[in-house]
């Protein structure tokens, strides 16, 4: 399941996984954990190879939504402002993405090869041959309002942050955010959460 920030991707994918009794993988948490590790190490985040030197030696895992970094649960810390402000830079490095994609593919293989996987390049890069690719989208103003309501932030600031992240994600050279070939596009702008979940579950059923 792919899509930009604020489309409901995380909550929808978790609900779909729960309703479908499937494992759930949040690939964005891997990039946040890698960013946290780089920040902790003190390397220059502008130096791709210094960052790669940190990331290639990490032990990363995810269990029931908890992100594990070298044996430590960092689920809360990776959502902090410092990581949020740096993750786009770290995740744009092609070598970092290659390393983390292998972690993600291994995770799904260990879980039987069938899972709900969310991110920004899942259908296009990580699992281009997936049985079902879903791309969630929504109008920018709707996405900003959702994020602001969820986080208690100023909607204008959130709108600007979303626009910045969209630009970075869609213009990076490695695995840019795009609608994967063959993906089912679901516009969530005027749908309730439950309606979106039902749409995705129906798409899964149609592929069974």
N, C-alpha and C. Protein backbone atom coordinates (compact mmCIF):
# COMPACT_ATOMS: atom_id res chain seq x y z
N UNK A 1 0.84 -1.18 0.00
CA UNK A 1 0.00 0.00 0.00
C UNK A 1 0.88 1.24 0.00
N UNK A 2 0.73 2.04 -1.03
CA UNK A 2 1.54 3.25 -1.18
C UNK A 2 0.66 4.49 -1.07
N UNK A 3 1.32 5.64 -0.99
CA UNK A 3 0.60 6.90 -0.97
C UNK A 3 1.32 7.93 -0.15
N UNK A 4 1.02 9.20 -0.37
CA UNK A 4 1.67 10.28 0.38
C UNK A 4 1.14 10.38 1.80
N UNK A 5 1.80 11.22 2.59
CA UNK A 5 1.41 11.42 3.98
C UNK A 5 0.03 12.03 4.09
N UNK A 6 -0.74 11.58 5.08
CA UNK A 6 -2.04 12.17 5.34
C UNK A 6 -3.20 11.53 4.61
N UNK A 7 -2.96 10.43 3.93
CA UNK A 7 -4.04 9.75 3.20
C UNK A 7 -4.72 8.68 4.05
N UNK A 8 -4.19 8.43 5.24
CA UNK A 8 -4.74 7.39 6.09
C UNK A 8 -4.07 6.06 5.89
N UNK A 9 -2.95 6.08 5.20
CA UNK A 9 -2.27 4.84 4.82
C UNK A 9 -1.92 3.95 6.02
N UNK A 10 -1.37 4.54 7.06
CA UNK A 10 -0.93 3.76 8.21
C UNK A 10 -2.11 3.13 8.96
N UNK A 11 -3.10 3.95 9.28
CA UNK A 11 -4.24 3.43 10.03
C UNK A 11 -5.05 2.44 9.21
N UNK A 12 -5.22 2.74 7.93
CA UNK A 12 -5.97 1.83 7.06
C UNK A 12 -5.25 0.50 6.90
N UNK A 13 -3.94 0.55 6.67
CA UNK A 13 -3.20 -0.70 6.46
C UNK A 13 -3.22 -1.56 7.72
N UNK A 14 -3.12 -0.93 8.89
CA UNK A 14 -3.19 -1.69 10.13
C UNK A 14 -4.56 -2.33 10.31
N UNK A 15 -5.62 -1.58 10.01
CA UNK A 15 -6.97 -2.11 10.14
C UNK A 15 -7.22 -3.24 9.15
N UNK A 16 -6.74 -3.09 7.94
CA UNK A 16 -6.89 -4.12 6.92
C UNK A 16 -6.16 -5.39 7.33
N UNK A 17 -4.95 -5.22 7.86
CA UNK A 17 -4.17 -6.37 8.31
C UNK A 17 -4.89 -7.09 9.44
N UNK A 18 -5.45 -6.31 10.36
CA UNK A 18 -6.16 -6.89 11.50
C UNK A 18 -7.42 -7.64 11.04
N UNK A 19 -8.18 -7.00 10.15
CA UNK A 19 -9.43 -7.62 9.67
C UNK A 19 -9.13 -8.84 8.79
N UNK A 20 -8.01 -8.78 8.08
CA UNK A 20 -7.67 -9.89 7.20
C UNK A 20 -6.77 -10.92 7.84
N UNK A 21 -6.47 -10.74 9.14
CA UNK A 21 -5.59 -11.64 9.88
C UNK A 21 -4.26 -11.82 9.15
N UNK A 22 -3.65 -10.69 8.79
CA UNK A 22 -2.39 -10.69 8.05
C UNK A 22 -1.32 -9.92 8.82
N UNK A 23 -0.05 -10.28 8.65
CA UNK A 23 1.02 -9.48 9.25
C UNK A 23 1.03 -8.08 8.64
N UNK A 24 1.49 -7.11 9.40
CA UNK A 24 1.55 -5.72 8.93
C UNK A 24 2.96 -5.18 9.06
N UNK A 25 3.43 -4.54 8.00
CA UNK A 25 4.78 -3.95 8.02
C UNK A 25 4.72 -2.48 7.63
N UNK A 26 5.23 -1.64 8.51
CA UNK A 26 5.36 -0.19 8.26
C UNK A 26 6.80 0.06 7.82
N UNK A 27 7.02 0.17 6.52
CA UNK A 27 8.40 0.33 6.03
C UNK A 27 8.98 1.69 6.40
N UNK A 28 8.13 2.69 6.59
CA UNK A 28 8.64 3.99 6.96
C UNK A 28 9.37 3.97 8.29
N UNK A 29 8.97 3.06 9.17
CA UNK A 29 9.62 2.95 10.48
C UNK A 29 11.06 2.50 10.33
N UNK A 30 11.36 1.71 9.28
CA UNK A 30 12.74 1.28 9.04
C UNK A 30 13.60 2.50 8.69
N UNK A 31 13.07 3.39 7.86
CA UNK A 31 13.84 4.59 7.48
C UNK A 31 14.01 5.52 8.68
N UNK A 32 13.00 5.59 9.52
CA UNK A 32 13.11 6.41 10.72
C UNK A 32 14.12 5.82 11.69
N UNK A 33 14.13 4.50 11.83
CA UNK A 33 15.10 3.86 12.72
C UNK A 33 16.52 4.06 12.21
N UNK A 34 16.69 3.95 10.89
CA UNK A 34 18.01 4.17 10.30
C UNK A 34 18.45 5.62 10.52
N UNK A 35 17.51 6.55 10.40
CA UNK A 35 17.82 7.97 10.63
C UNK A 35 18.21 8.20 12.08
N UNK A 36 17.48 7.58 12.99
CA UNK A 36 17.81 7.70 14.41
C UNK A 36 19.22 7.18 14.69
N UNK A 37 19.55 6.04 14.09
CA UNK A 37 20.88 5.46 14.29
C UNK A 37 21.96 6.40 13.76
N UNK A 38 21.70 7.02 12.61
CA UNK A 38 22.68 7.94 12.04
C UNK A 38 22.84 9.18 12.92
N UNK A 39 21.73 9.69 13.44
CA UNK A 39 21.79 10.84 14.33
C UNK A 39 22.56 10.51 15.61
N UNK A 40 22.28 9.35 16.16
CA UNK A 40 22.97 8.94 17.38
C UNK A 40 24.47 8.78 17.16
N UNK A 41 24.85 8.34 15.97
CA UNK A 41 26.27 8.08 15.69
C UNK A 41 27.07 9.37 15.53
N UNK A 42 26.36 10.46 15.20
CA UNK A 42 27.03 11.74 15.02
C UNK A 42 27.65 11.94 13.65
N UNK A 43 27.37 11.04 12.69
CA UNK A 43 27.94 11.22 11.36
C UNK A 43 27.27 12.39 10.66
N UNK A 44 27.94 12.91 9.64
CA UNK A 44 27.39 14.01 8.84
C UNK A 44 26.29 13.45 7.94
N UNK A 45 25.07 13.88 8.14
CA UNK A 45 23.97 13.35 7.35
C UNK A 45 24.05 13.78 5.89
N UNK A 46 24.91 14.73 5.58
CA UNK A 46 25.11 15.13 4.18
C UNK A 46 26.10 14.21 3.46
N UNK A 47 26.72 13.32 4.21
CA UNK A 47 27.70 12.38 3.65
C UNK A 47 27.03 11.02 3.51
N UNK A 48 26.63 10.70 2.27
CA UNK A 48 25.90 9.46 2.03
C UNK A 48 26.65 8.24 2.54
N UNK A 49 27.94 8.18 2.28
CA UNK A 49 28.69 6.96 2.61
C UNK A 49 28.93 6.82 4.11
N UNK A 50 28.98 7.95 4.80
CA UNK A 50 29.08 7.89 6.26
C UNK A 50 27.77 7.33 6.83
N UNK A 51 26.65 7.76 6.27
CA UNK A 51 25.35 7.27 6.70
C UNK A 51 25.22 5.78 6.38
N UNK A 52 25.63 5.40 5.17
CA UNK A 52 25.57 3.99 4.77
C UNK A 52 26.40 3.13 5.71
N UNK A 53 27.56 3.65 6.14
CA UNK A 53 28.41 2.91 7.06
C UNK A 53 27.72 2.57 8.36
N UNK A 54 26.80 3.44 8.78
CA UNK A 54 26.01 3.18 9.99
C UNK A 54 24.89 2.18 9.69
N UNK A 55 24.16 2.44 8.60
CA UNK A 55 22.95 1.68 8.30
C UNK A 55 23.24 0.22 7.96
N UNK A 56 24.36 -0.02 7.27
CA UNK A 56 24.62 -1.39 6.81
C UNK A 56 24.92 -2.36 7.96
N UNK A 57 25.17 -1.85 9.15
CA UNK A 57 25.49 -2.71 10.28
C UNK A 57 24.36 -2.81 11.31
N UNK A 58 23.19 -2.32 10.94
CA UNK A 58 22.08 -2.29 11.89
C UNK A 58 21.32 -3.61 11.91
N UNK A 59 20.81 -3.94 13.09
CA UNK A 59 19.85 -5.02 13.24
C UNK A 59 18.47 -4.37 13.36
N UNK A 60 17.58 -4.66 12.42
CA UNK A 60 16.27 -4.02 12.39
C UNK A 60 15.17 -5.08 12.33
N UNK A 61 14.12 -4.87 13.10
CA UNK A 61 13.00 -5.78 13.07
C UNK A 61 11.75 -5.03 13.52
N UNK A 62 10.60 -5.62 13.21
CA UNK A 62 9.34 -5.01 13.60
C UNK A 62 8.41 -6.13 14.08
N UNK A 63 7.88 -5.96 15.29
CA UNK A 63 7.01 -6.97 15.88
C UNK A 63 5.76 -6.30 16.43
N UNK A 64 4.61 -6.65 15.84
CA UNK A 64 3.34 -6.09 16.28
C UNK A 64 3.38 -4.57 16.38
N UNK A 65 3.98 -3.96 15.38
CA UNK A 65 4.02 -2.51 15.30
C UNK A 65 5.17 -1.85 16.02
N UNK A 66 5.90 -2.60 16.83
CA UNK A 66 7.04 -2.03 17.56
C UNK A 66 8.29 -2.12 16.70
N UNK A 67 9.03 -1.00 16.59
CA UNK A 67 10.25 -0.97 15.79
C UNK A 67 11.45 -1.24 16.66
N UNK A 68 12.23 -2.24 16.30
CA UNK A 68 13.38 -2.67 17.06
C UNK A 68 14.67 -2.26 16.35
N UNK A 69 15.52 -1.53 17.04
CA UNK A 69 16.82 -1.10 16.52
C UNK A 69 17.91 -1.66 17.41
N UNK A 70 18.65 -2.61 16.87
CA UNK A 70 19.73 -3.25 17.64
C UNK A 70 19.26 -3.74 19.01
N UNK A 71 18.06 -4.35 19.01
CA UNK A 71 17.54 -4.92 20.25
C UNK A 71 16.80 -3.95 21.15
N UNK A 72 16.66 -2.69 20.73
CA UNK A 72 15.99 -1.66 21.53
C UNK A 72 14.70 -1.23 20.85
N UNK A 73 13.62 -1.14 21.60
CA UNK A 73 12.36 -0.65 21.08
C UNK A 73 12.44 0.87 20.96
N UNK A 74 12.45 1.36 19.72
CA UNK A 74 12.58 2.81 19.49
C UNK A 74 11.31 3.39 18.88
N UNK A 75 10.20 2.70 19.07
CA UNK A 75 8.94 3.09 18.44
C UNK A 75 8.54 4.53 18.72
N UNK A 76 8.77 4.99 19.94
CA UNK A 76 8.40 6.35 20.30
C UNK A 76 9.44 7.36 19.80
N UNK A 77 10.72 7.02 19.99
CA UNK A 77 11.78 7.97 19.66
C UNK A 77 11.83 8.29 18.17
N UNK A 78 11.49 7.34 17.31
CA UNK A 78 11.58 7.59 15.87
C UNK A 78 10.49 8.54 15.37
N UNK A 79 9.52 8.84 16.22
CA UNK A 79 8.45 9.77 15.84
C UNK A 79 8.73 11.19 16.31
N UNK A 80 9.89 11.40 16.94
CA UNK A 80 10.24 12.72 17.44
C UNK A 80 10.60 13.70 16.33
N UNK A 81 10.65 14.97 16.69
CA UNK A 81 10.90 16.04 15.71
C UNK A 81 12.26 15.90 15.03
N UNK A 82 13.27 15.47 15.78
CA UNK A 82 14.61 15.40 15.20
C UNK A 82 14.66 14.38 14.08
N UNK A 83 14.08 13.21 14.30
CA UNK A 83 14.05 12.18 13.26
C UNK A 83 13.15 12.62 12.10
N UNK A 84 12.01 13.19 12.43
CA UNK A 84 11.08 13.64 11.39
C UNK A 84 11.73 14.66 10.46
N UNK A 85 12.55 15.53 11.04
CA UNK A 85 13.20 16.56 10.23
C UNK A 85 14.34 16.05 9.37
N UNK A 86 14.86 14.86 9.68
CA UNK A 86 16.04 14.35 8.95
C UNK A 86 15.75 13.14 8.09
N UNK A 87 14.59 12.50 8.27
CA UNK A 87 14.34 11.23 7.58
C UNK A 87 14.29 11.36 6.06
N UNK A 88 13.82 12.48 5.55
CA UNK A 88 13.75 12.64 4.10
C UNK A 88 15.15 12.64 3.48
N UNK A 89 16.10 13.25 4.16
CA UNK A 89 17.47 13.28 3.65
C UNK A 89 18.08 11.89 3.65
N UNK A 90 17.95 11.19 4.77
CA UNK A 90 18.54 9.85 4.87
C UNK A 90 17.88 8.88 3.90
N UNK A 91 16.55 8.96 3.79
CA UNK A 91 15.83 8.00 2.94
C UNK A 91 16.02 8.28 1.45
N UNK A 92 16.57 9.44 1.11
CA UNK A 92 16.80 9.75 -0.30
C UNK A 92 18.06 9.08 -0.85
N UNK A 93 18.93 8.60 0.01
CA UNK A 93 20.18 8.00 -0.45
C UNK A 93 19.92 6.62 -1.06
N UNK A 94 20.29 6.40 -2.33
CA UNK A 94 20.02 5.12 -2.99
C UNK A 94 20.59 3.92 -2.24
N UNK A 95 21.79 4.06 -1.70
CA UNK A 95 22.42 2.92 -1.02
C UNK A 95 21.69 2.58 0.28
N UNK A 96 21.19 3.59 0.97
CA UNK A 96 20.40 3.35 2.17
C UNK A 96 19.12 2.62 1.80
N UNK A 97 18.47 3.05 0.73
CA UNK A 97 17.22 2.42 0.31
C UNK A 97 17.45 0.96 -0.07
N UNK A 98 18.55 0.69 -0.77
CA UNK A 98 18.83 -0.70 -1.16
C UNK A 98 18.98 -1.60 0.07
N UNK A 99 19.68 -1.11 1.07
CA UNK A 99 19.88 -1.90 2.29
C UNK A 99 18.55 -2.16 3.00
N UNK A 100 17.74 -1.12 3.13
CA UNK A 100 16.49 -1.27 3.87
C UNK A 100 15.44 -2.06 3.10
N UNK A 101 15.47 -1.96 1.78
CA UNK A 101 14.55 -2.78 0.97
C UNK A 101 14.83 -4.26 1.20
N UNK A 102 16.09 -4.63 1.33
CA UNK A 102 16.43 -6.04 1.60
C UNK A 102 15.91 -6.46 2.97
N UNK A 103 16.01 -5.56 3.96
CA UNK A 103 15.44 -5.85 5.29
C UNK A 103 13.94 -6.10 5.17
N UNK A 104 13.27 -5.26 4.39
CA UNK A 104 11.81 -5.36 4.26
C UNK A 104 11.40 -6.63 3.52
N UNK A 105 12.10 -6.97 2.48
CA UNK A 105 11.79 -8.20 1.76
C UNK A 105 12.03 -9.42 2.64
N UNK A 106 13.09 -9.40 3.41
CA UNK A 106 13.39 -10.51 4.31
C UNK A 106 12.30 -10.65 5.37
N UNK A 107 11.82 -9.52 5.88
CA UNK A 107 10.76 -9.53 6.89
C UNK A 107 9.52 -10.21 6.34
N UNK A 108 9.12 -9.84 5.15
CA UNK A 108 7.91 -10.44 4.55
C UNK A 108 8.13 -11.92 4.28
N UNK A 109 9.31 -12.29 3.82
CA UNK A 109 9.61 -13.71 3.58
C UNK A 109 9.50 -14.51 4.87
N UNK A 110 10.01 -13.93 5.97
CA UNK A 110 9.94 -14.62 7.26
C UNK A 110 8.50 -14.77 7.76
N UNK A 111 7.62 -13.93 7.25
CA UNK A 111 6.22 -13.99 7.67
C UNK A 111 5.34 -14.67 6.62
N UNK A 112 5.93 -15.55 5.86
CA UNK A 112 5.16 -16.37 4.94
C UNK A 112 4.90 -15.79 3.57
N UNK A 113 5.47 -14.63 3.29
CA UNK A 113 5.33 -14.05 1.95
C UNK A 113 3.99 -13.39 1.68
N UNK A 114 3.16 -13.25 2.71
CA UNK A 114 1.84 -12.62 2.52
C UNK A 114 1.62 -11.64 3.67
N UNK A 115 1.53 -10.36 3.35
CA UNK A 115 1.41 -9.35 4.39
C UNK A 115 0.85 -8.06 3.80
N UNK A 116 0.39 -7.19 4.69
CA UNK A 116 0.00 -5.83 4.29
C UNK A 116 1.21 -4.96 4.55
N UNK A 117 1.77 -4.40 3.49
CA UNK A 117 3.00 -3.62 3.59
C UNK A 117 2.71 -2.19 3.14
N UNK A 118 3.06 -1.24 3.97
CA UNK A 118 2.80 0.17 3.63
C UNK A 118 4.08 0.96 3.49
N UNK A 119 4.04 1.95 2.60
CA UNK A 119 5.20 2.80 2.40
C UNK A 119 5.00 3.76 1.24
N UNK A 120 6.11 4.11 0.60
CA UNK A 120 6.04 5.05 -0.51
C UNK A 120 6.65 4.50 -1.80
N UNK A 121 7.15 3.26 -1.76
CA UNK A 121 7.68 2.65 -2.98
C UNK A 121 7.43 1.14 -2.99
N UNK A 122 6.37 0.72 -2.30
CA UNK A 122 6.14 -0.71 -2.12
C UNK A 122 5.78 -1.39 -3.44
N UNK A 123 4.78 -0.87 -4.12
CA UNK A 123 4.35 -1.48 -5.38
C UNK A 123 5.28 -1.20 -6.54
N UNK A 124 6.06 -0.14 -6.44
CA UNK A 124 6.94 0.23 -7.56
C UNK A 124 8.32 -0.39 -7.45
N UNK A 125 8.83 -0.57 -6.23
CA UNK A 125 10.21 -1.03 -6.05
C UNK A 125 10.33 -2.26 -5.15
N UNK A 126 9.75 -2.19 -3.95
CA UNK A 126 9.97 -3.26 -2.98
C UNK A 126 9.31 -4.56 -3.42
N UNK A 127 8.03 -4.47 -3.82
CA UNK A 127 7.30 -5.65 -4.29
C UNK A 127 6.56 -5.33 -5.59
N UNK A 128 7.30 -5.15 -6.68
CA UNK A 128 6.67 -4.79 -7.95
C UNK A 128 5.75 -5.88 -8.50
N UNK A 129 5.91 -7.11 -8.02
CA UNK A 129 5.08 -8.22 -8.49
C UNK A 129 4.00 -8.59 -7.48
N UNK A 130 3.70 -7.69 -6.58
CA UNK A 130 2.67 -7.97 -5.56
C UNK A 130 1.33 -8.31 -6.21
N UNK A 131 0.60 -9.19 -5.56
CA UNK A 131 -0.70 -9.62 -6.08
C UNK A 131 -1.69 -8.45 -6.12
N UNK A 132 -1.59 -7.56 -5.16
CA UNK A 132 -2.45 -6.38 -5.12
C UNK A 132 -1.64 -5.16 -4.72
N UNK A 133 -1.74 -4.11 -5.51
CA UNK A 133 -1.10 -2.83 -5.19
C UNK A 133 -2.20 -1.79 -5.02
N UNK A 134 -2.18 -1.11 -3.89
CA UNK A 134 -3.16 -0.07 -3.60
C UNK A 134 -2.43 1.24 -3.38
N UNK A 135 -2.90 2.29 -4.04
CA UNK A 135 -2.32 3.63 -3.86
C UNK A 135 -3.40 4.52 -3.27
N UNK A 136 -3.23 4.89 -2.00
CA UNK A 136 -4.18 5.79 -1.36
C UNK A 136 -3.79 7.24 -1.65
N UNK A 137 -4.77 8.05 -1.96
CA UNK A 137 -4.51 9.47 -2.23
C UNK A 137 -5.62 10.31 -1.59
N UNK A 138 -5.41 11.61 -1.53
CA UNK A 138 -6.41 12.54 -1.02
C UNK A 138 -5.96 13.95 -1.40
N UNK A 139 -6.90 14.86 -1.44
CA UNK A 139 -6.57 16.25 -1.77
C UNK A 139 -5.64 16.81 -0.69
N UNK A 140 -4.69 17.67 -1.08
CA UNK A 140 -3.72 18.22 -0.11
C UNK A 140 -4.37 18.89 1.10
N UNK A 141 -5.45 19.64 0.89
CA UNK A 141 -6.08 20.32 2.02
C UNK A 141 -6.70 19.32 3.00
N UNK A 142 -7.23 18.23 2.47
CA UNK A 142 -7.81 17.19 3.32
C UNK A 142 -6.71 16.50 4.12
N UNK A 143 -5.62 16.21 3.46
CA UNK A 143 -4.49 15.55 4.14
C UNK A 143 -3.95 16.42 5.26
N UNK A 144 -3.82 17.72 5.00
CA UNK A 144 -3.30 18.64 6.02
C UNK A 144 -4.25 18.72 7.21
N UNK A 145 -5.54 18.78 6.93
CA UNK A 145 -6.53 18.88 8.00
C UNK A 145 -6.50 17.63 8.88
N UNK A 146 -6.33 16.47 8.26
CA UNK A 146 -6.28 15.21 9.01
C UNK A 146 -5.06 15.18 9.93
N UNK A 147 -3.92 15.55 9.37
CA UNK A 147 -2.70 15.52 10.16
C UNK A 147 -2.77 16.52 11.31
N UNK A 148 -3.30 17.71 11.02
CA UNK A 148 -3.39 18.75 12.06
C UNK A 148 -4.31 18.30 13.18
N UNK A 149 -5.42 17.66 12.83
CA UNK A 149 -6.37 17.17 13.82
C UNK A 149 -5.76 16.06 14.66
N UNK A 150 -4.98 15.23 14.01
CA UNK A 150 -4.36 14.09 14.70
C UNK A 150 -3.26 14.54 15.65
N UNK A 151 -2.44 15.49 15.19
CA UNK A 151 -1.26 15.90 15.95
C UNK A 151 -1.45 17.17 16.76
N UNK A 152 -2.58 17.85 16.57
CA UNK A 152 -2.83 19.09 17.29
C UNK A 152 -1.95 20.24 16.83
N UNK A 153 -1.53 20.19 15.57
CA UNK A 153 -0.67 21.24 15.03
C UNK A 153 -1.46 22.24 14.20
N UNK A 154 -0.80 23.33 13.84
CA UNK A 154 -1.41 24.34 12.99
C UNK A 154 -1.58 23.79 11.58
N UNK A 155 -2.79 23.91 11.01
CA UNK A 155 -3.08 23.29 9.72
C UNK A 155 -2.24 23.89 8.59
N UNK A 156 -1.96 25.19 8.65
CA UNK A 156 -1.15 25.81 7.61
C UNK A 156 0.28 25.27 7.64
N UNK A 157 0.83 25.12 8.85
CA UNK A 157 2.17 24.57 9.00
C UNK A 157 2.23 23.14 8.50
N UNK A 158 1.20 22.36 8.84
CA UNK A 158 1.14 20.97 8.39
C UNK A 158 1.05 20.92 6.87
N UNK A 159 0.24 21.80 6.28
CA UNK A 159 0.10 21.86 4.83
C UNK A 159 1.46 22.12 4.17
N UNK A 160 2.21 23.06 4.74
CA UNK A 160 3.53 23.37 4.19
C UNK A 160 4.49 22.19 4.36
N UNK A 161 4.42 21.51 5.51
CA UNK A 161 5.28 20.34 5.75
C UNK A 161 4.95 19.22 4.78
N UNK A 162 3.66 19.00 4.54
CA UNK A 162 3.23 17.96 3.60
C UNK A 162 3.71 18.28 2.19
N UNK A 163 3.59 19.54 1.80
CA UNK A 163 4.04 19.95 0.46
C UNK A 163 5.55 19.73 0.31
N UNK A 164 6.31 20.03 1.38
CA UNK A 164 7.75 19.82 1.34
C UNK A 164 8.09 18.34 1.22
N UNK A 165 7.41 17.52 2.03
CA UNK A 165 7.68 16.08 1.99
C UNK A 165 7.27 15.47 0.65
N UNK A 166 6.14 15.91 0.11
CA UNK A 166 5.70 15.41 -1.20
C UNK A 166 6.73 15.71 -2.27
N UNK A 167 7.26 16.95 -2.22
CA UNK A 167 8.26 17.34 -3.22
C UNK A 167 9.52 16.50 -3.11
N UNK A 168 9.98 16.32 -1.88
CA UNK A 168 11.19 15.52 -1.66
C UNK A 168 10.98 14.07 -2.09
N UNK A 169 9.83 13.50 -1.72
CA UNK A 169 9.57 12.09 -2.02
C UNK A 169 9.38 11.85 -3.52
N UNK A 170 8.74 12.79 -4.20
CA UNK A 170 8.42 12.57 -5.61
C UNK A 170 9.55 12.95 -6.55
N UNK A 171 10.53 13.71 -6.06
CA UNK A 171 11.63 14.14 -6.94
C UNK A 171 12.96 13.48 -6.63
N UNK A 172 13.02 12.65 -5.58
CA UNK A 172 14.29 11.98 -5.28
C UNK A 172 14.64 11.02 -6.41
N UNK A 173 15.92 10.81 -6.63
CA UNK A 173 16.36 9.96 -7.72
C UNK A 173 16.12 8.48 -7.44
N UNK A 174 16.18 8.10 -6.18
CA UNK A 174 16.01 6.69 -5.81
C UNK A 174 14.59 6.43 -5.34
N UNK A 175 13.88 5.57 -6.05
CA UNK A 175 12.54 5.13 -5.66
C UNK A 175 11.61 6.29 -5.35
N UNK A 176 11.38 7.19 -6.29
CA UNK A 176 10.49 8.32 -6.01
C UNK A 176 9.05 7.85 -5.78
N UNK A 177 8.30 8.65 -4.99
CA UNK A 177 6.90 8.37 -4.77
C UNK A 177 6.16 8.50 -6.09
N UNK A 178 5.49 7.42 -6.49
CA UNK A 178 4.75 7.42 -7.74
C UNK A 178 3.64 6.40 -7.66
N UNK A 179 2.66 6.51 -8.54
CA UNK A 179 1.60 5.50 -8.58
C UNK A 179 2.16 4.28 -9.30
N UNK A 180 2.27 3.13 -8.61
CA UNK A 180 2.86 1.94 -9.23
C UNK A 180 2.03 1.45 -10.42
N UNK A 181 2.70 0.88 -11.36
CA UNK A 181 2.01 0.31 -12.52
C UNK A 181 1.04 -0.78 -12.05
N UNK A 182 -0.20 -0.68 -12.51
CA UNK A 182 -1.20 -1.68 -12.16
C UNK A 182 -1.85 -1.48 -10.81
N UNK A 183 -1.55 -0.36 -10.13
CA UNK A 183 -2.11 -0.13 -8.80
C UNK A 183 -3.57 0.31 -8.86
N UNK A 184 -4.32 -0.06 -7.83
CA UNK A 184 -5.68 0.42 -7.65
C UNK A 184 -5.60 1.73 -6.86
N UNK A 185 -6.01 2.83 -7.48
CA UNK A 185 -5.95 4.14 -6.82
C UNK A 185 -7.26 4.39 -6.07
N UNK A 186 -7.14 4.66 -4.78
CA UNK A 186 -8.30 4.93 -3.94
C UNK A 186 -8.18 6.34 -3.38
N UNK A 187 -9.07 7.24 -3.81
CA UNK A 187 -9.08 8.60 -3.29
C UNK A 187 -9.91 8.62 -2.01
N UNK A 188 -9.24 8.90 -0.91
CA UNK A 188 -9.90 8.84 0.40
C UNK A 188 -10.49 10.17 0.84
N UNK A 189 -10.41 11.20 -0.01
CA UNK A 189 -10.81 12.56 0.39
C UNK A 189 -12.21 12.62 0.98
N UNK A 190 -13.16 11.96 0.34
CA UNK A 190 -14.56 12.06 0.74
C UNK A 190 -15.11 10.75 1.30
N UNK A 191 -14.19 9.88 1.75
CA UNK A 191 -14.60 8.60 2.33
C UNK A 191 -14.28 8.58 3.82
N UNK A 192 -15.11 7.89 4.59
CA UNK A 192 -14.81 7.70 6.00
C UNK A 192 -13.72 6.64 6.11
N UNK A 193 -13.13 6.56 7.29
CA UNK A 193 -12.10 5.55 7.54
C UNK A 193 -12.65 4.15 7.25
N UNK A 194 -13.83 3.84 7.79
CA UNK A 194 -14.41 2.51 7.61
C UNK A 194 -14.69 2.22 6.13
N UNK A 195 -15.09 3.24 5.39
CA UNK A 195 -15.35 3.04 3.97
C UNK A 195 -14.07 2.70 3.21
N UNK A 196 -12.98 3.36 3.56
CA UNK A 196 -11.70 3.07 2.90
C UNK A 196 -11.26 1.64 3.21
N UNK A 197 -11.39 1.24 4.47
CA UNK A 197 -11.02 -0.13 4.85
C UNK A 197 -11.85 -1.14 4.06
N UNK A 198 -13.14 -0.88 3.93
CA UNK A 198 -14.01 -1.81 3.19
C UNK A 198 -13.62 -1.89 1.73
N UNK A 199 -13.25 -0.75 1.14
CA UNK A 199 -12.82 -0.74 -0.26
C UNK A 199 -11.58 -1.61 -0.44
N UNK A 200 -10.61 -1.46 0.45
CA UNK A 200 -9.38 -2.23 0.33
C UNK A 200 -9.63 -3.71 0.57
N UNK A 201 -10.46 -4.04 1.55
CA UNK A 201 -10.79 -5.43 1.82
C UNK A 201 -11.49 -6.06 0.61
N UNK A 202 -12.34 -5.29 -0.05
CA UNK A 202 -13.01 -5.80 -1.24
C UNK A 202 -12.02 -6.05 -2.37
N UNK A 203 -11.01 -5.20 -2.47
CA UNK A 203 -9.98 -5.39 -3.50
C UNK A 203 -9.17 -6.67 -3.20
N UNK A 204 -8.88 -6.90 -1.91
CA UNK A 204 -8.17 -8.11 -1.52
C UNK A 204 -9.01 -9.35 -1.87
N UNK A 205 -10.30 -9.28 -1.56
CA UNK A 205 -11.19 -10.40 -1.85
C UNK A 205 -11.26 -10.69 -3.34
N UNK A 206 -11.20 -9.63 -4.14
CA UNK A 206 -11.29 -9.81 -5.59
C UNK A 206 -10.06 -10.50 -6.16
N UNK A 207 -8.95 -10.46 -5.40
CA UNK A 207 -7.70 -11.08 -5.86
C UNK A 207 -7.52 -12.49 -5.30
N UNK A 208 -8.41 -12.88 -4.39
CA UNK A 208 -8.25 -14.20 -3.74
C UNK A 208 -8.69 -15.33 -4.68
